[in-house]
Amino acid sequence: MTADMKVYPLVQGCGSRFTVGLLHDVRTVLEDHGYPEISNGLDLLDLQMALYGFLYGNGERRAGE
């Protein structure tokens, strides 16, 4: 694979890897890098949807498609 080949979004069938643990890890990384704590349920839901959209797509066209 070369650097200019898109890998994401992945095929929808790979969704079993998307867990609450993954979401928690991403939240922790953001907070460790100085972003405000994500403690509001709506903020956490927004993060979950954004991460899922990046990983598995949301029906919108992305750069390079």
N, C-alpha and C. Protein backbone atom coordinates (compact mmCIF):
# COMPACT_ATOMS: atom_id res chain seq x y z
N MET A 1 0.84 -1.18 0.00
CA MET A 1 0.00 0.00 0.00
C MET A 1 0.89 1.24 0.00
N THR A 2 0.51 2.20 -0.81
CA THR A 2 1.27 3.44 -0.85
C THR A 2 0.56 4.50 -0.03
N ALA A 3 1.28 5.56 0.28
CA ALA A 3 0.75 6.62 1.14
C ALA A 3 -0.43 7.35 0.50
N ASP A 4 -0.56 7.30 -0.82
CA ASP A 4 -1.64 8.05 -1.47
C ASP A 4 -2.90 7.22 -1.67
N MET A 5 -2.93 5.99 -1.19
CA MET A 5 -4.12 5.16 -1.31
C MET A 5 -4.98 5.29 -0.05
N LYS A 6 -6.24 5.67 -0.23
CA LYS A 6 -7.15 5.79 0.92
C LYS A 6 -7.48 4.43 1.48
N VAL A 7 -7.52 4.33 2.77
CA VAL A 7 -7.90 3.10 3.45
C VAL A 7 -9.27 3.27 4.11
N TYR A 8 -9.56 4.47 4.56
CA TYR A 8 -10.82 4.75 5.25
C TYR A 8 -11.77 5.49 4.34
N PRO A 9 -13.05 5.25 4.47
CA PRO A 9 -13.73 4.40 5.43
C PRO A 9 -13.59 2.92 5.09
N LEU A 10 -13.63 2.09 6.13
CA LEU A 10 -13.54 0.65 5.99
C LEU A 10 -14.89 0.08 5.55
N VAL A 11 -14.88 -1.19 5.18
CA VAL A 11 -16.11 -1.88 4.83
C VAL A 11 -16.98 -1.99 6.09
N GLN A 12 -18.25 -1.77 5.97
CA GLN A 12 -19.15 -1.78 7.13
C GLN A 12 -19.05 -3.04 7.97
N GLY A 13 -18.75 -4.18 7.39
CA GLY A 13 -18.71 -5.44 8.12
C GLY A 13 -17.66 -5.49 9.21
N CYS A 14 -16.79 -4.50 9.30
CA CYS A 14 -15.72 -4.48 10.30
C CYS A 14 -16.15 -3.78 11.58
N GLY A 15 -17.41 -3.43 11.74
CA GLY A 15 -17.88 -2.64 12.86
C GLY A 15 -17.73 -3.27 14.23
N SER A 16 -17.47 -4.57 14.29
CA SER A 16 -17.35 -5.22 15.60
C SER A 16 -16.15 -4.72 16.40
N ARG A 17 -15.21 -4.09 15.74
CA ARG A 17 -14.03 -3.55 16.45
C ARG A 17 -14.34 -2.22 17.10
N PHE A 18 -15.46 -1.61 16.77
CA PHE A 18 -15.84 -0.32 17.34
C PHE A 18 -16.52 -0.58 18.68
N THR A 19 -15.79 -0.36 19.75
CA THR A 19 -16.30 -0.68 21.09
C THR A 19 -16.30 0.57 21.96
N VAL A 20 -16.94 0.45 23.11
CA VAL A 20 -16.93 1.53 24.10
C VAL A 20 -15.49 1.78 24.56
N GLY A 21 -14.70 0.71 24.63
CA GLY A 21 -13.29 0.86 25.02
C GLY A 21 -12.52 1.72 24.05
N LEU A 22 -12.75 1.54 22.75
CA LEU A 22 -12.09 2.37 21.73
C LEU A 22 -12.49 3.82 21.90
N LEU A 23 -13.77 4.06 22.09
CA LEU A 23 -14.26 5.43 22.29
C LEU A 23 -13.61 6.06 23.52
N HIS A 24 -13.53 5.29 24.61
CA HIS A 24 -12.90 5.79 25.84
C HIS A 24 -11.42 6.10 25.60
N ASP A 25 -10.72 5.24 24.86
CA ASP A 25 -9.30 5.47 24.58
C ASP A 25 -9.09 6.75 23.78
N VAL A 26 -9.94 6.98 22.77
CA VAL A 26 -9.82 8.21 21.97
C VAL A 26 -10.10 9.43 22.84
N ARG A 27 -11.12 9.34 23.68
CA ARG A 27 -11.43 10.43 24.61
C ARG A 27 -10.24 10.73 25.50
N THR A 28 -9.61 9.70 26.04
CA THR A 28 -8.45 9.86 26.91
C THR A 28 -7.28 10.50 26.18
N VAL A 29 -7.04 10.08 24.95
CA VAL A 29 -5.94 10.66 24.16
C VAL A 29 -6.19 12.15 23.94
N LEU A 30 -7.41 12.52 23.60
CA LEU A 30 -7.72 13.94 23.40
C LEU A 30 -7.47 14.73 24.68
N GLU A 31 -7.93 14.20 25.79
CA GLU A 31 -7.74 14.90 27.07
C GLU A 31 -6.26 14.97 27.44
N ASP A 32 -5.50 13.90 27.17
CA ASP A 32 -4.06 13.90 27.45
C ASP A 32 -3.31 14.93 26.61
N HIS A 33 -3.89 15.31 25.47
CA HIS A 33 -3.27 16.32 24.61
C HIS A 33 -3.78 17.72 24.90
N GLY A 34 -4.47 17.87 26.01
CA GLY A 34 -4.86 19.20 26.45
C GLY A 34 -6.26 19.66 26.06
N TYR A 35 -7.02 18.79 25.40
CA TYR A 35 -8.39 19.17 25.08
C TYR A 35 -9.25 19.06 26.33
N PRO A 36 -10.32 19.83 26.41
CA PRO A 36 -11.18 19.79 27.60
C PRO A 36 -11.75 18.38 27.83
N GLU A 37 -11.98 18.08 29.09
CA GLU A 37 -12.56 16.78 29.45
C GLU A 37 -13.92 16.60 28.77
N ILE A 38 -14.16 15.42 28.25
CA ILE A 38 -15.44 15.11 27.63
C ILE A 38 -16.27 14.38 28.67
N SER A 39 -17.11 15.13 29.37
CA SER A 39 -17.92 14.54 30.43
C SER A 39 -19.41 14.62 30.14
N ASN A 40 -19.80 15.46 29.20
CA ASN A 40 -21.19 15.60 28.81
C ASN A 40 -21.57 14.47 27.86
N GLY A 41 -22.69 13.82 28.10
CA GLY A 41 -23.13 12.71 27.27
C GLY A 41 -23.31 13.09 25.81
N LEU A 42 -23.77 14.31 25.54
CA LEU A 42 -23.97 14.74 24.16
C LEU A 42 -22.63 14.93 23.45
N ASP A 43 -21.62 15.45 24.16
CA ASP A 43 -20.29 15.58 23.57
C ASP A 43 -19.71 14.20 23.26
N LEU A 44 -19.91 13.26 24.17
CA LEU A 44 -19.41 11.90 23.95
C LEU A 44 -20.12 11.25 22.76
N LEU A 45 -21.41 11.48 22.63
CA LEU A 45 -22.14 10.95 21.49
C LEU A 45 -21.63 11.57 20.19
N ASP A 46 -21.37 12.87 20.19
CA ASP A 46 -20.81 13.52 19.00
C ASP A 46 -19.46 12.92 18.62
N LEU A 47 -18.61 12.68 19.62
CA LEU A 47 -17.31 12.06 19.36
C LEU A 47 -17.50 10.66 18.77
N GLN A 48 -18.42 9.90 19.35
CA GLN A 48 -18.69 8.55 18.86
C GLN A 48 -19.13 8.58 17.40
N MET A 49 -20.04 9.48 17.06
CA MET A 49 -20.54 9.56 15.69
C MET A 49 -19.45 10.01 14.71
N ALA A 50 -18.62 10.96 15.14
CA ALA A 50 -17.54 11.44 14.27
C ALA A 50 -16.51 10.34 14.03
N LEU A 51 -16.16 9.63 15.08
CA LEU A 51 -15.18 8.54 14.95
C LEU A 51 -15.74 7.42 14.08
N TYR A 52 -16.99 7.05 14.31
CA TYR A 52 -17.62 6.01 13.50
C TYR A 52 -17.69 6.44 12.04
N GLY A 53 -18.05 7.70 11.80
CA GLY A 53 -18.12 8.22 10.43
C GLY A 53 -16.77 8.16 9.73
N PHE A 54 -15.69 8.48 10.44
CA PHE A 54 -14.37 8.40 9.85
C PHE A 54 -14.01 6.95 9.53
N LEU A 55 -14.26 6.06 10.48
CA LEU A 55 -13.86 4.67 10.31
C LEU A 55 -14.69 3.92 9.27
N TYR A 56 -16.02 4.13 9.29
CA TYR A 56 -16.91 3.32 8.46
C TYR A 56 -17.75 4.11 7.47
N GLY A 57 -17.58 5.41 7.45
CA GLY A 57 -18.29 6.24 6.49
C GLY A 57 -19.67 6.62 6.99
N ASN A 58 -20.20 7.65 6.40
CA ASN A 58 -21.54 8.11 6.77
C ASN A 58 -22.37 8.45 5.53
N GLY A 59 -21.98 7.89 4.41
CA GLY A 59 -22.73 8.13 3.18
C GLY A 59 -22.31 9.37 2.43
N GLU A 60 -21.43 10.19 3.01
CA GLU A 60 -20.97 11.40 2.33
C GLU A 60 -19.69 11.10 1.58
N ARG A 61 -19.49 11.82 0.49
CA ARG A 61 -18.24 11.68 -0.25
C ARG A 61 -17.11 12.30 0.54
N ARG A 62 -15.95 11.71 0.43
CA ARG A 62 -14.77 12.22 1.14
C ARG A 62 -13.72 12.67 0.13
N ALA A 63 -12.74 13.39 0.61
CA ALA A 63 -11.65 13.86 -0.26
C ALA A 63 -11.02 12.67 -0.99
N GLY A 64 -10.78 12.84 -2.28
CA GLY A 64 -10.11 11.81 -3.06
C GLY A 64 -11.05 10.78 -3.66
N GLU A 65 -12.35 10.89 -3.40
CA GLU A 65 -13.30 9.93 -3.97
C GLU A 65 -13.88 10.44 -5.25
